[in-house]
Amino acid sequence: MDKTLALLGFAIAMSVTPGPNVLMVAAGAANAGIRATVPHMLGITIGFAAMLLIVGLGLAGPFAAMPMLHTALKWGGAAWLLVLAWKIARAGAPGEGPPRPPLGFIGAALFQWVNPKAWMIALAAIPAFTTPDGDILAETLLIAGAFALVCFPCCLVWAALGAGASRLLRTDRALRGFNIAMAVLLVLSLIPALT
């Protein structure tokens, strides 16, 4: 039971701390509201749990055997995050086009595969919470389940922060400043993954 509590603590800490997912959720909620951001949050939750299952059941091996694959994924993900940061920074004020979060369900689920923080978490969680002689399927299901359980509520915290910030951002200039700040934070969240 202690290992399960440790896993839940790890999942909460990794899911609620700043990173590409939650920064995009905050920006989406600030620009379009929490309800419009729900598909994005569900995509993160389900997409990351699926990623953990796939990594835990064998995809980590090829990345360990061929570090170039990992490097290519890391830099490709960084490039995609820079594109998303640019889109967030240039998001218009309310009324300038239809309000929507940066990603929907499918986009957010697929984004996990190029998100450097998601890869760092997956590659840390699987060896940390599995045992060499254990039931890898059961242990991987437990890890994915723990993250699926906590991911949506952690994203919701950031969506609420973004929506709350939008109440303070009553002018186009203030909203643009917030979007630029979120974009800069998104770019800065890449530094630990790329160093």
N, C-alpha and C. Protein backbone atom coordinates (compact mmCIF):
# COMPACT_ATOMS: atom_id res chain seq x y z
N MET A 1 0.82 -1.21 0.00
CA MET A 1 0.00 0.00 0.00
C MET A 1 0.86 1.27 0.00
N ASP A 2 2.03 1.21 0.69
CA ASP A 2 2.91 2.38 0.73
C ASP A 2 3.38 2.76 -0.66
N LYS A 3 3.66 1.74 -1.50
CA LYS A 3 4.13 2.01 -2.86
C LYS A 3 3.03 2.69 -3.68
N THR A 4 1.76 2.31 -3.44
CA THR A 4 0.65 2.94 -4.15
C THR A 4 0.51 4.40 -3.75
N LEU A 5 0.65 4.69 -2.45
CA LEU A 5 0.58 6.09 -2.00
C LEU A 5 1.74 6.89 -2.56
N ALA A 6 2.92 6.28 -2.61
CA ALA A 6 4.07 6.97 -3.20
C ALA A 6 3.81 7.25 -4.69
N LEU A 7 3.23 6.28 -5.38
CA LEU A 7 2.91 6.45 -6.79
C LEU A 7 1.90 7.58 -6.98
N LEU A 8 0.87 7.62 -6.15
CA LEU A 8 -0.13 8.69 -6.25
C LEU A 8 0.51 10.06 -5.98
N GLY A 9 1.38 10.13 -4.98
CA GLY A 9 2.08 11.39 -4.70
C GLY A 9 2.94 11.82 -5.88
N PHE A 10 3.65 10.86 -6.47
CA PHE A 10 4.47 11.15 -7.64
C PHE A 10 3.59 11.63 -8.79
N ALA A 11 2.47 10.95 -9.02
CA ALA A 11 1.57 11.31 -10.12
C ALA A 11 1.00 12.72 -9.93
N ILE A 12 0.62 13.05 -8.71
CA ILE A 12 0.10 14.39 -8.44
C ILE A 12 1.19 15.44 -8.67
N ALA A 13 2.37 15.20 -8.11
CA ALA A 13 3.47 16.16 -8.25
C ALA A 13 3.82 16.39 -9.72
N MET A 14 3.88 15.32 -10.49
CA MET A 14 4.25 15.44 -11.90
C MET A 14 3.13 16.07 -12.73
N SER A 15 1.89 15.84 -12.34
CA SER A 15 0.75 16.34 -13.13
C SER A 15 0.40 17.79 -12.84
N VAL A 16 0.67 18.27 -11.63
CA VAL A 16 0.23 19.63 -11.27
C VAL A 16 1.34 20.66 -11.43
N THR A 17 2.59 20.21 -11.52
CA THR A 17 3.68 21.17 -11.67
C THR A 17 3.69 21.75 -13.09
N PRO A 18 4.21 22.96 -13.24
CA PRO A 18 4.18 23.59 -14.57
C PRO A 18 4.89 22.74 -15.63
N GLY A 19 4.27 22.71 -16.76
CA GLY A 19 4.80 22.00 -17.92
C GLY A 19 3.95 22.35 -19.11
N PRO A 20 4.28 21.83 -20.27
CA PRO A 20 3.54 22.18 -21.48
C PRO A 20 2.03 21.92 -21.38
N ASN A 21 1.64 20.77 -20.83
CA ASN A 21 0.20 20.46 -20.77
C ASN A 21 -0.59 21.49 -19.98
N VAL A 22 -0.17 21.73 -18.74
CA VAL A 22 -0.99 22.60 -17.88
C VAL A 22 -0.90 24.06 -18.29
N LEU A 23 0.22 24.47 -18.87
CA LEU A 23 0.31 25.86 -19.34
C LEU A 23 -0.62 26.09 -20.53
N MET A 24 -0.72 25.10 -21.42
CA MET A 24 -1.66 25.23 -22.54
C MET A 24 -3.10 25.18 -22.04
N VAL A 25 -3.38 24.38 -21.02
CA VAL A 25 -4.72 24.34 -20.44
C VAL A 25 -5.07 25.70 -19.83
N ALA A 26 -4.15 26.29 -19.08
CA ALA A 26 -4.41 27.61 -18.47
C ALA A 26 -4.67 28.66 -19.55
N ALA A 27 -3.86 28.64 -20.60
CA ALA A 27 -4.07 29.61 -21.69
C ALA A 27 -5.40 29.36 -22.39
N GLY A 28 -5.74 28.09 -22.62
CA GLY A 28 -7.01 27.77 -23.26
C GLY A 28 -8.19 28.23 -22.43
N ALA A 29 -8.14 27.98 -21.11
CA ALA A 29 -9.24 28.39 -20.24
C ALA A 29 -9.32 29.90 -20.11
N ALA A 30 -8.19 30.58 -20.12
CA ALA A 30 -8.21 32.05 -20.05
C ALA A 30 -8.86 32.64 -21.29
N ASN A 31 -8.65 32.01 -22.43
CA ASN A 31 -9.16 32.53 -23.69
C ASN A 31 -10.56 32.04 -24.04
N ALA A 32 -10.91 30.82 -23.62
CA ALA A 32 -12.19 30.24 -24.05
C ALA A 32 -13.05 29.72 -22.91
N GLY A 33 -12.53 29.70 -21.69
CA GLY A 33 -13.30 29.21 -20.56
C GLY A 33 -13.01 27.74 -20.26
N ILE A 34 -13.39 27.33 -19.06
CA ILE A 34 -13.11 25.97 -18.60
C ILE A 34 -13.86 24.94 -19.44
N ARG A 35 -15.14 25.18 -19.69
CA ARG A 35 -15.95 24.19 -20.42
C ARG A 35 -15.34 23.88 -21.79
N ALA A 36 -14.89 24.90 -22.49
CA ALA A 36 -14.30 24.69 -23.82
C ALA A 36 -12.96 23.96 -23.74
N THR A 37 -12.33 23.97 -22.58
CA THR A 37 -11.03 23.34 -22.40
C THR A 37 -11.15 21.89 -21.93
N VAL A 38 -12.34 21.44 -21.56
CA VAL A 38 -12.53 20.06 -21.08
C VAL A 38 -12.03 19.01 -22.07
N PRO A 39 -12.32 19.11 -23.38
CA PRO A 39 -11.77 18.10 -24.30
C PRO A 39 -10.24 18.05 -24.28
N HIS A 40 -9.62 19.20 -24.16
CA HIS A 40 -8.16 19.26 -24.07
C HIS A 40 -7.68 18.50 -22.83
N MET A 41 -8.32 18.75 -21.68
CA MET A 41 -7.93 18.09 -20.43
C MET A 41 -8.17 16.59 -20.51
N LEU A 42 -9.28 16.17 -21.11
CA LEU A 42 -9.55 14.73 -21.26
C LEU A 42 -8.53 14.08 -22.20
N GLY A 43 -8.15 14.80 -23.25
CA GLY A 43 -7.13 14.27 -24.16
C GLY A 43 -5.80 14.06 -23.47
N ILE A 44 -5.41 14.99 -22.60
CA ILE A 44 -4.18 14.84 -21.83
C ILE A 44 -4.29 13.62 -20.93
N THR A 45 -5.40 13.52 -20.20
CA THR A 45 -5.59 12.43 -19.23
C THR A 45 -5.54 11.07 -19.91
N ILE A 46 -6.32 10.89 -20.94
CA ILE A 46 -6.41 9.59 -21.60
C ILE A 46 -5.16 9.33 -22.45
N GLY A 47 -4.68 10.35 -23.13
CA GLY A 47 -3.49 10.19 -23.96
C GLY A 47 -2.26 9.83 -23.16
N PHE A 48 -2.09 10.46 -21.99
CA PHE A 48 -0.91 10.15 -21.19
C PHE A 48 -1.01 8.77 -20.56
N ALA A 49 -2.20 8.39 -20.11
CA ALA A 49 -2.37 7.04 -19.56
C ALA A 49 -2.06 5.99 -20.62
N ALA A 50 -2.53 6.22 -21.85
CA ALA A 50 -2.24 5.29 -22.94
C ALA A 50 -0.74 5.25 -23.23
N MET A 51 -0.11 6.41 -23.21
CA MET A 51 1.34 6.46 -23.43
C MET A 51 2.07 5.65 -22.37
N LEU A 52 1.68 5.80 -21.11
CA LEU A 52 2.31 5.04 -20.04
C LEU A 52 2.17 3.55 -20.26
N LEU A 53 0.99 3.12 -20.69
CA LEU A 53 0.78 1.69 -20.95
C LEU A 53 1.70 1.20 -22.05
N ILE A 54 1.77 1.94 -23.14
CA ILE A 54 2.58 1.51 -24.27
C ILE A 54 4.07 1.53 -23.92
N VAL A 55 4.51 2.59 -23.24
CA VAL A 55 5.91 2.67 -22.83
C VAL A 55 6.22 1.55 -21.84
N GLY A 56 5.34 1.35 -20.87
CA GLY A 56 5.56 0.33 -19.85
C GLY A 56 5.56 -1.09 -20.39
N LEU A 57 4.86 -1.31 -21.48
CA LEU A 57 4.77 -2.65 -22.04
C LEU A 57 5.77 -2.88 -23.17
N GLY A 58 6.74 -1.98 -23.33
CA GLY A 58 7.80 -2.33 -24.26
C GLY A 58 8.41 -1.27 -25.12
N LEU A 59 7.83 -0.09 -25.23
CA LEU A 59 8.41 0.89 -26.12
C LEU A 59 9.68 1.52 -25.54
N ALA A 60 9.85 1.43 -24.23
CA ALA A 60 11.05 2.02 -23.62
C ALA A 60 12.31 1.31 -24.09
N GLY A 61 12.23 0.03 -24.39
CA GLY A 61 13.40 -0.75 -24.83
C GLY A 61 14.05 -0.19 -26.08
N PRO A 62 13.29 0.04 -27.17
CA PRO A 62 13.92 0.60 -28.37
C PRO A 62 14.57 1.97 -28.14
N PHE A 63 13.98 2.79 -27.27
CA PHE A 63 14.58 4.09 -26.99
C PHE A 63 15.89 3.94 -26.22
N ALA A 64 15.94 2.94 -25.34
CA ALA A 64 17.19 2.70 -24.62
C ALA A 64 18.25 2.14 -25.56
N ALA A 65 17.84 1.29 -26.51
CA ALA A 65 18.79 0.68 -27.44
C ALA A 65 19.26 1.66 -28.51
N MET A 66 18.40 2.60 -28.89
CA MET A 66 18.75 3.55 -29.94
C MET A 66 18.52 4.98 -29.45
N PRO A 67 19.50 5.53 -28.75
CA PRO A 67 19.34 6.88 -28.19
C PRO A 67 19.00 7.95 -29.23
N MET A 68 19.35 7.72 -30.51
CA MET A 68 19.02 8.70 -31.54
C MET A 68 17.51 8.89 -31.68
N LEU A 69 16.75 7.80 -31.48
CA LEU A 69 15.29 7.92 -31.53
C LEU A 69 14.79 8.87 -30.44
N HIS A 70 15.34 8.71 -29.26
CA HIS A 70 14.95 9.56 -28.13
C HIS A 70 15.33 11.01 -28.41
N THR A 71 16.53 11.21 -28.93
CA THR A 71 16.99 12.57 -29.24
C THR A 71 16.11 13.21 -30.31
N ALA A 72 15.79 12.45 -31.35
CA ALA A 72 14.94 12.98 -32.43
C ALA A 72 13.57 13.35 -31.88
N LEU A 73 13.00 12.50 -31.03
CA LEU A 73 11.70 12.78 -30.44
C LEU A 73 11.77 14.02 -29.56
N LYS A 74 12.83 14.13 -28.78
CA LYS A 74 12.98 15.27 -27.88
C LYS A 74 13.01 16.58 -28.67
N TRP A 75 13.81 16.65 -29.73
CA TRP A 75 13.93 17.88 -30.50
C TRP A 75 12.69 18.13 -31.36
N GLY A 76 12.09 17.06 -31.87
CA GLY A 76 10.84 17.23 -32.62
C GLY A 76 9.73 17.76 -31.71
N GLY A 77 9.66 17.24 -30.50
CA GLY A 77 8.69 17.73 -29.52
C GLY A 77 8.94 19.17 -29.16
N ALA A 78 10.21 19.53 -29.01
CA ALA A 78 10.56 20.92 -28.68
C ALA A 78 10.12 21.85 -29.81
N ALA A 79 10.33 21.43 -31.04
CA ALA A 79 9.92 22.26 -32.18
C ALA A 79 8.41 22.45 -32.19
N TRP A 80 7.66 21.38 -31.92
CA TRP A 80 6.19 21.48 -31.88
C TRP A 80 5.74 22.39 -30.76
N LEU A 81 6.39 22.32 -29.60
CA LEU A 81 6.05 23.20 -28.48
C LEU A 81 6.31 24.66 -28.84
N LEU A 82 7.36 24.92 -29.59
CA LEU A 82 7.62 26.29 -30.01
C LEU A 82 6.51 26.80 -30.93
N VAL A 83 6.00 25.93 -31.81
CA VAL A 83 4.88 26.31 -32.67
C VAL A 83 3.65 26.63 -31.81
N LEU A 84 3.37 25.77 -30.84
CA LEU A 84 2.22 26.00 -29.96
C LEU A 84 2.40 27.28 -29.14
N ALA A 85 3.61 27.52 -28.66
CA ALA A 85 3.87 28.75 -27.90
C ALA A 85 3.60 29.97 -28.78
N TRP A 86 4.02 29.90 -30.03
CA TRP A 86 3.78 31.01 -30.97
C TRP A 86 2.29 31.23 -31.15
N LYS A 87 1.52 30.15 -31.29
CA LYS A 87 0.06 30.27 -31.45
C LYS A 87 -0.59 30.88 -30.21
N ILE A 88 -0.13 30.46 -29.03
CA ILE A 88 -0.67 31.01 -27.79
C ILE A 88 -0.34 32.49 -27.69
N ALA A 89 0.90 32.85 -27.97
CA ALA A 89 1.33 34.26 -27.87
C ALA A 89 0.54 35.15 -28.82
N ARG A 90 0.14 34.61 -29.97
CA ARG A 90 -0.56 35.41 -30.97
C ARG A 90 -2.07 35.25 -30.91
N ALA A 91 -2.57 34.54 -29.90
CA ALA A 91 -4.02 34.36 -29.78
C ALA A 91 -4.69 35.72 -29.66
N GLY A 92 -5.77 35.88 -30.38
CA GLY A 92 -6.48 37.15 -30.38
C GLY A 92 -7.31 37.33 -29.12
N ALA A 93 -7.80 38.51 -28.98
CA ALA A 93 -8.68 38.82 -27.86
C ALA A 93 -10.04 38.18 -28.10
N PRO A 94 -10.85 38.03 -27.05
CA PRO A 94 -12.19 37.50 -27.24
C PRO A 94 -12.93 38.31 -28.29
N GLY A 95 -13.62 37.61 -29.16
CA GLY A 95 -14.35 38.26 -30.22
C GLY A 95 -13.58 38.28 -31.53
N GLU A 96 -12.28 37.99 -31.47
CA GLU A 96 -11.46 37.90 -32.69
C GLU A 96 -11.45 36.44 -33.12
N GLY A 97 -12.45 36.02 -33.84
CA GLY A 97 -12.55 34.62 -34.26
C GLY A 97 -13.18 33.78 -33.16
N PRO A 98 -13.49 32.54 -33.47
CA PRO A 98 -14.14 31.69 -32.48
C PRO A 98 -13.18 31.31 -31.35
N PRO A 99 -13.60 31.48 -30.10
CA PRO A 99 -12.72 31.11 -28.99
C PRO A 99 -12.62 29.59 -28.90
N ARG A 100 -11.40 29.09 -28.75
CA ARG A 100 -11.21 27.65 -28.58
C ARG A 100 -9.87 27.41 -27.92
N PRO A 101 -9.73 26.30 -27.20
CA PRO A 101 -8.44 25.99 -26.61
C PRO A 101 -7.44 25.64 -27.71
N PRO A 102 -6.15 25.71 -27.41
CA PRO A 102 -5.15 25.42 -28.44
C PRO A 102 -5.29 24.02 -29.03
N LEU A 103 -5.70 23.04 -28.24
CA LEU A 103 -5.83 21.67 -28.72
C LEU A 103 -7.17 21.09 -28.28
N GLY A 104 -7.72 20.19 -29.08
CA GLY A 104 -8.90 19.43 -28.69
C GLY A 104 -8.48 18.09 -28.13
N PHE A 105 -9.43 17.17 -28.01
CA PHE A 105 -9.17 15.87 -27.40
C PHE A 105 -8.08 15.09 -28.15
N ILE A 106 -8.25 14.90 -29.45
CA ILE A 106 -7.30 14.10 -30.23
C ILE A 106 -5.92 14.77 -30.25
N GLY A 107 -5.90 16.07 -30.49
CA GLY A 107 -4.63 16.79 -30.52
C GLY A 107 -3.89 16.68 -29.19
N ALA A 108 -4.62 16.82 -28.08
CA ALA A 108 -3.99 16.73 -26.76
C ALA A 108 -3.50 15.32 -26.47
N ALA A 109 -4.28 14.31 -26.88
CA ALA A 109 -3.86 12.92 -26.67
C ALA A 109 -2.59 12.63 -27.48
N LEU A 110 -2.57 13.05 -28.72
CA LEU A 110 -1.40 12.81 -29.57
C LEU A 110 -0.20 13.65 -29.15
N PHE A 111 -0.47 14.82 -28.58
CA PHE A 111 0.59 15.70 -28.14
C PHE A 111 1.50 15.04 -27.11
N GLN A 112 0.96 14.11 -26.33
CA GLN A 112 1.77 13.46 -25.30
C GLN A 112 3.01 12.80 -25.88
N TRP A 113 2.92 12.34 -27.13
CA TRP A 113 4.03 11.63 -27.77
C TRP A 113 5.17 12.56 -28.17
N VAL A 114 4.94 13.86 -28.22
CA VAL A 114 6.01 14.80 -28.53
C VAL A 114 6.27 15.76 -27.37
N ASN A 115 5.66 15.52 -26.25
CA ASN A 115 5.82 16.36 -25.07
C ASN A 115 7.03 15.85 -24.28
N PRO A 116 8.11 16.63 -24.23
CA PRO A 116 9.30 16.15 -23.51
C PRO A 116 9.05 15.82 -22.04
N LYS A 117 8.20 16.62 -21.38
CA LYS A 117 7.92 16.33 -19.96
C LYS A 117 7.18 15.01 -19.82
N ALA A 118 6.26 14.70 -20.73
CA ALA A 118 5.54 13.42 -20.67
C ALA A 118 6.52 12.25 -20.81
N TRP A 119 7.47 12.38 -21.73
CA TRP A 119 8.47 11.32 -21.89
C TRP A 119 9.34 11.19 -20.65
N MET A 120 9.75 12.30 -20.06
CA MET A 120 10.58 12.24 -18.85
C MET A 120 9.82 11.54 -17.73
N ILE A 121 8.54 11.86 -17.58
CA ILE A 121 7.74 11.24 -16.53
C ILE A 121 7.58 9.74 -16.81
N ALA A 122 7.22 9.40 -18.04
CA ALA A 122 7.00 7.99 -18.38
C ALA A 122 8.27 7.17 -18.18
N LEU A 123 9.40 7.70 -18.64
CA LEU A 123 10.65 6.96 -18.53
C LEU A 123 11.18 6.92 -17.10
N ALA A 124 10.68 7.79 -16.23
CA ALA A 124 11.04 7.73 -14.82
C ALA A 124 10.07 6.85 -14.03
N ALA A 125 8.79 6.94 -14.35
CA ALA A 125 7.77 6.23 -13.56
C ALA A 125 7.83 4.72 -13.76
N ILE A 126 8.03 4.28 -14.99
CA ILE A 126 7.99 2.84 -15.26
C ILE A 126 9.07 2.10 -14.47
N PRO A 127 10.34 2.49 -14.56
CA PRO A 127 11.32 1.75 -13.77
C PRO A 127 11.19 1.98 -12.26
N ALA A 128 10.69 3.15 -11.86
CA ALA A 128 10.59 3.45 -10.42
C ALA A 128 9.47 2.66 -9.75
N PHE A 129 8.40 2.37 -10.47
CA PHE A 129 7.24 1.75 -9.83
C PHE A 129 6.92 0.36 -10.38
N THR A 130 7.88 -0.26 -11.05
CA THR A 130 7.75 -1.66 -11.44
C THR A 130 8.90 -2.42 -10.81
N THR A 131 8.75 -3.73 -10.74
CA THR A 131 9.81 -4.57 -10.16
C THR A 131 10.27 -5.57 -11.22
N PRO A 132 11.56 -5.92 -11.22
CA PRO A 132 12.08 -6.83 -12.25
C PRO A 132 11.35 -8.17 -12.30
N ASP A 133 10.95 -8.69 -11.16
CA ASP A 133 10.29 -9.99 -11.14
C ASP A 133 8.77 -9.87 -10.94
N GLY A 134 8.24 -8.66 -11.05
CA GLY A 134 6.82 -8.45 -10.83
C GLY A 134 6.00 -8.68 -12.09
N ASP A 135 4.71 -8.52 -11.95
CA ASP A 135 3.77 -8.64 -13.07
C ASP A 135 3.75 -7.29 -13.80
N ILE A 136 4.51 -7.20 -14.90
CA ILE A 136 4.69 -5.92 -15.60
C ILE A 136 3.35 -5.35 -16.07
N LEU A 137 2.44 -6.19 -16.51
CA LEU A 137 1.14 -5.70 -16.96
C LEU A 137 0.37 -5.07 -15.80
N ALA A 138 0.29 -5.76 -14.68
CA ALA A 138 -0.45 -5.24 -13.53
C ALA A 138 0.20 -3.96 -13.00
N GLU A 139 1.53 -3.96 -12.92
CA GLU A 139 2.22 -2.78 -12.40
C GLU A 139 2.08 -1.58 -13.35
N THR A 140 2.15 -1.84 -14.64
CA THR A 140 1.99 -0.75 -15.61
C THR A 140 0.56 -0.23 -15.60
N LEU A 141 -0.42 -1.12 -15.47
CA LEU A 141 -1.82 -0.69 -15.36
C LEU A 141 -2.02 0.18 -14.12
N LEU A 142 -1.36 -0.18 -13.02
CA LEU A 142 -1.47 0.62 -11.79
C LEU A 142 -0.88 2.01 -12.01
N ILE A 143 0.27 2.09 -12.66
CA ILE A 143 0.90 3.39 -12.92
C ILE A 143 0.00 4.24 -13.83
N ALA A 144 -0.46 3.65 -14.92
CA ALA A 144 -1.34 4.39 -15.84
C ALA A 144 -2.63 4.80 -15.14
N GLY A 145 -3.18 3.91 -14.32
CA GLY A 145 -4.40 4.22 -13.58
C GLY A 145 -4.22 5.36 -12.59
N ALA A 146 -3.07 5.38 -11.92
CA ALA A 146 -2.80 6.46 -10.96
C ALA A 146 -2.75 7.80 -11.67
N PHE A 147 -2.06 7.84 -12.80
CA PHE A 147 -1.99 9.10 -13.55
C PHE A 147 -3.36 9.48 -14.12
N ALA A 148 -4.11 8.50 -14.61
CA ALA A 148 -5.45 8.79 -15.13
C ALA A 148 -6.35 9.36 -14.03
N LEU A 149 -6.17 8.87 -12.81
CA LEU A 149 -6.98 9.33 -11.68
C LEU A 149 -6.68 10.78 -11.30
N VAL A 150 -5.43 11.17 -11.34
CA VAL A 150 -5.07 12.50 -10.84
C VAL A 150 -4.89 13.55 -11.93
N CYS A 151 -4.69 13.14 -13.16
CA CYS A 151 -4.35 14.08 -14.22
C CYS A 151 -5.45 15.11 -14.47
N PHE A 152 -6.69 14.66 -14.63
CA PHE A 152 -7.77 15.60 -14.92
C PHE A 152 -7.95 16.63 -13.79
N PRO A 153 -8.01 16.19 -12.51
CA PRO A 153 -8.13 17.21 -11.45
C PRO A 153 -6.95 18.19 -11.42
N CYS A 154 -5.74 17.71 -11.71
CA CYS A 154 -4.59 18.61 -11.74
C CYS A 154 -4.71 19.61 -12.89
N CYS A 155 -5.17 19.14 -14.04
CA CYS A 155 -5.40 20.06 -15.17
C CYS A 155 -6.50 21.06 -14.83
N LEU A 156 -7.50 20.60 -14.11
CA LEU A 156 -8.62 21.46 -13.73
C LEU A 156 -8.15 22.62 -12.84
N VAL A 157 -7.17 22.36 -11.99
CA VAL A 157 -6.60 23.43 -11.16
C VAL A 157 -6.04 24.53 -12.07
N TRP A 158 -5.30 24.14 -13.10
CA TRP A 158 -4.72 25.11 -14.02
C TRP A 158 -5.77 25.78 -14.88
N ALA A 159 -6.81 25.03 -15.25
CA ALA A 159 -7.91 25.64 -16.02
C ALA A 159 -8.59 26.70 -15.17
N ALA A 160 -8.80 26.41 -13.88
CA ALA A 160 -9.42 27.39 -12.99
C ALA A 160 -8.53 28.62 -12.83
N LEU A 161 -7.22 28.40 -12.74
CA LEU A 161 -6.30 29.54 -12.67
C LEU A 161 -6.38 30.38 -13.93
N GLY A 162 -6.43 29.72 -15.08
CA GLY A 162 -6.53 30.45 -16.34
C GLY A 162 -7.84 31.20 -16.46
N ALA A 163 -8.94 30.53 -16.09
CA ALA A 163 -10.26 31.18 -16.16
C ALA A 163 -10.32 32.34 -15.17
N GLY A 164 -9.74 32.15 -13.99
CA GLY A 164 -9.72 33.23 -13.00
C GLY A 164 -8.89 34.40 -13.50
N ALA A 165 -7.79 34.10 -14.14
CA ALA A 165 -6.96 35.17 -14.70
C ALA A 165 -7.71 35.94 -15.77
N SER A 166 -8.57 35.23 -16.52
CA SER A 166 -9.30 35.92 -17.59
C SER A 166 -10.23 36.98 -17.04
N ARG A 167 -10.70 36.81 -15.80
CA ARG A 167 -11.57 37.83 -15.18
C ARG A 167 -10.79 39.11 -14.88
N LEU A 168 -9.48 38.93 -14.68
CA LEU A 168 -8.62 40.09 -14.42
C LEU A 168 -8.14 40.72 -15.72
N LEU A 169 -8.26 39.97 -16.79
CA LEU A 169 -7.74 40.41 -18.09
C LEU A 169 -8.86 41.01 -18.92
N ARG A 170 -9.33 42.12 -18.53
CA ARG A 170 -10.51 42.72 -19.17
C ARG A 170 -10.18 43.51 -20.43
N THR A 171 -8.93 43.85 -20.62
CA THR A 171 -8.57 44.61 -21.82
C THR A 171 -7.83 43.69 -22.80
N ASP A 172 -7.88 44.06 -24.06
CA ASP A 172 -7.15 43.29 -25.07
C ASP A 172 -5.66 43.25 -24.74
N ARG A 173 -5.14 44.35 -24.28
CA ARG A 173 -3.71 44.43 -23.96
C ARG A 173 -3.35 43.48 -22.81
N ALA A 174 -4.18 43.43 -21.78
CA ALA A 174 -3.91 42.55 -20.64
C ALA A 174 -3.98 41.08 -21.06
N LEU A 175 -4.98 40.74 -21.88
CA LEU A 175 -5.10 39.36 -22.35
C LEU A 175 -3.92 38.98 -23.23
N ARG A 176 -3.53 39.89 -24.09
CA ARG A 176 -2.36 39.63 -24.95
C ARG A 176 -1.12 39.42 -24.09
N GLY A 177 -0.94 40.22 -23.04
CA GLY A 177 0.19 40.07 -22.12
C GLY A 177 0.16 38.71 -21.43
N PHE A 178 -1.04 38.27 -21.01
CA PHE A 178 -1.18 36.97 -20.38
C PHE A 178 -0.79 35.86 -21.37
N ASN A 179 -1.29 35.96 -22.60
CA ASN A 179 -0.98 34.94 -23.60
C ASN A 179 0.52 34.88 -23.88
N ILE A 180 1.15 36.04 -23.96
CA ILE A 180 2.60 36.06 -24.18
C ILE A 180 3.33 35.45 -22.99
N ALA A 181 2.88 35.77 -21.77
CA ALA A 181 3.50 35.19 -20.57
C ALA A 181 3.36 33.67 -20.56
N MET A 182 2.18 33.15 -20.93
CA MET A 182 1.98 31.70 -20.99
C MET A 182 2.87 31.08 -22.06
N ALA A 183 3.02 31.76 -23.17
CA ALA A 183 3.88 31.25 -24.24
C ALA A 183 5.34 31.21 -23.78
N VAL A 184 5.79 32.26 -23.10
CA VAL A 184 7.16 32.29 -22.59
C VAL A 184 7.37 31.18 -21.57
N LEU A 185 6.41 30.99 -20.66
CA LEU A 185 6.53 29.90 -19.69
C LEU A 185 6.57 28.54 -20.38
N LEU A 186 5.79 28.39 -21.43
CA LEU A 186 5.80 27.14 -22.19
C LEU A 186 7.18 26.89 -22.78
N VAL A 187 7.79 27.91 -23.35
CA VAL A 187 9.14 27.77 -23.91
C VAL A 187 10.14 27.47 -22.79
N LEU A 188 10.02 28.17 -21.66
CA LEU A 188 10.93 27.93 -20.54
C LEU A 188 10.79 26.53 -19.97
N SER A 189 9.58 25.94 -20.07
CA SER A 189 9.38 24.58 -19.55
C SER A 189 10.17 23.56 -20.36
N LEU A 190 10.65 23.95 -21.54
CA LEU A 190 11.48 23.06 -22.35
C LEU A 190 12.90 22.93 -21.84
N ILE A 191 13.39 23.92 -21.14
CA ILE A 191 14.80 23.95 -20.75
C ILE A 191 15.23 22.70 -19.99
N PRO A 192 14.49 22.26 -18.96
CA PRO A 192 14.94 21.04 -18.27
C PRO A 192 14.95 19.81 -19.18
N ALA A 193 14.03 19.74 -20.11
CA ALA A 193 13.96 18.57 -20.98
C ALA A 193 15.07 18.55 -22.01
N LEU A 194 15.57 19.71 -22.40
CA LEU A 194 16.56 19.78 -23.46
C LEU A 194 18.00 19.88 -22.95
N THR A 195 18.17 20.00 -21.65
CA THR A 195 19.53 20.10 -21.12
C THR A 195 19.99 18.78 -20.55
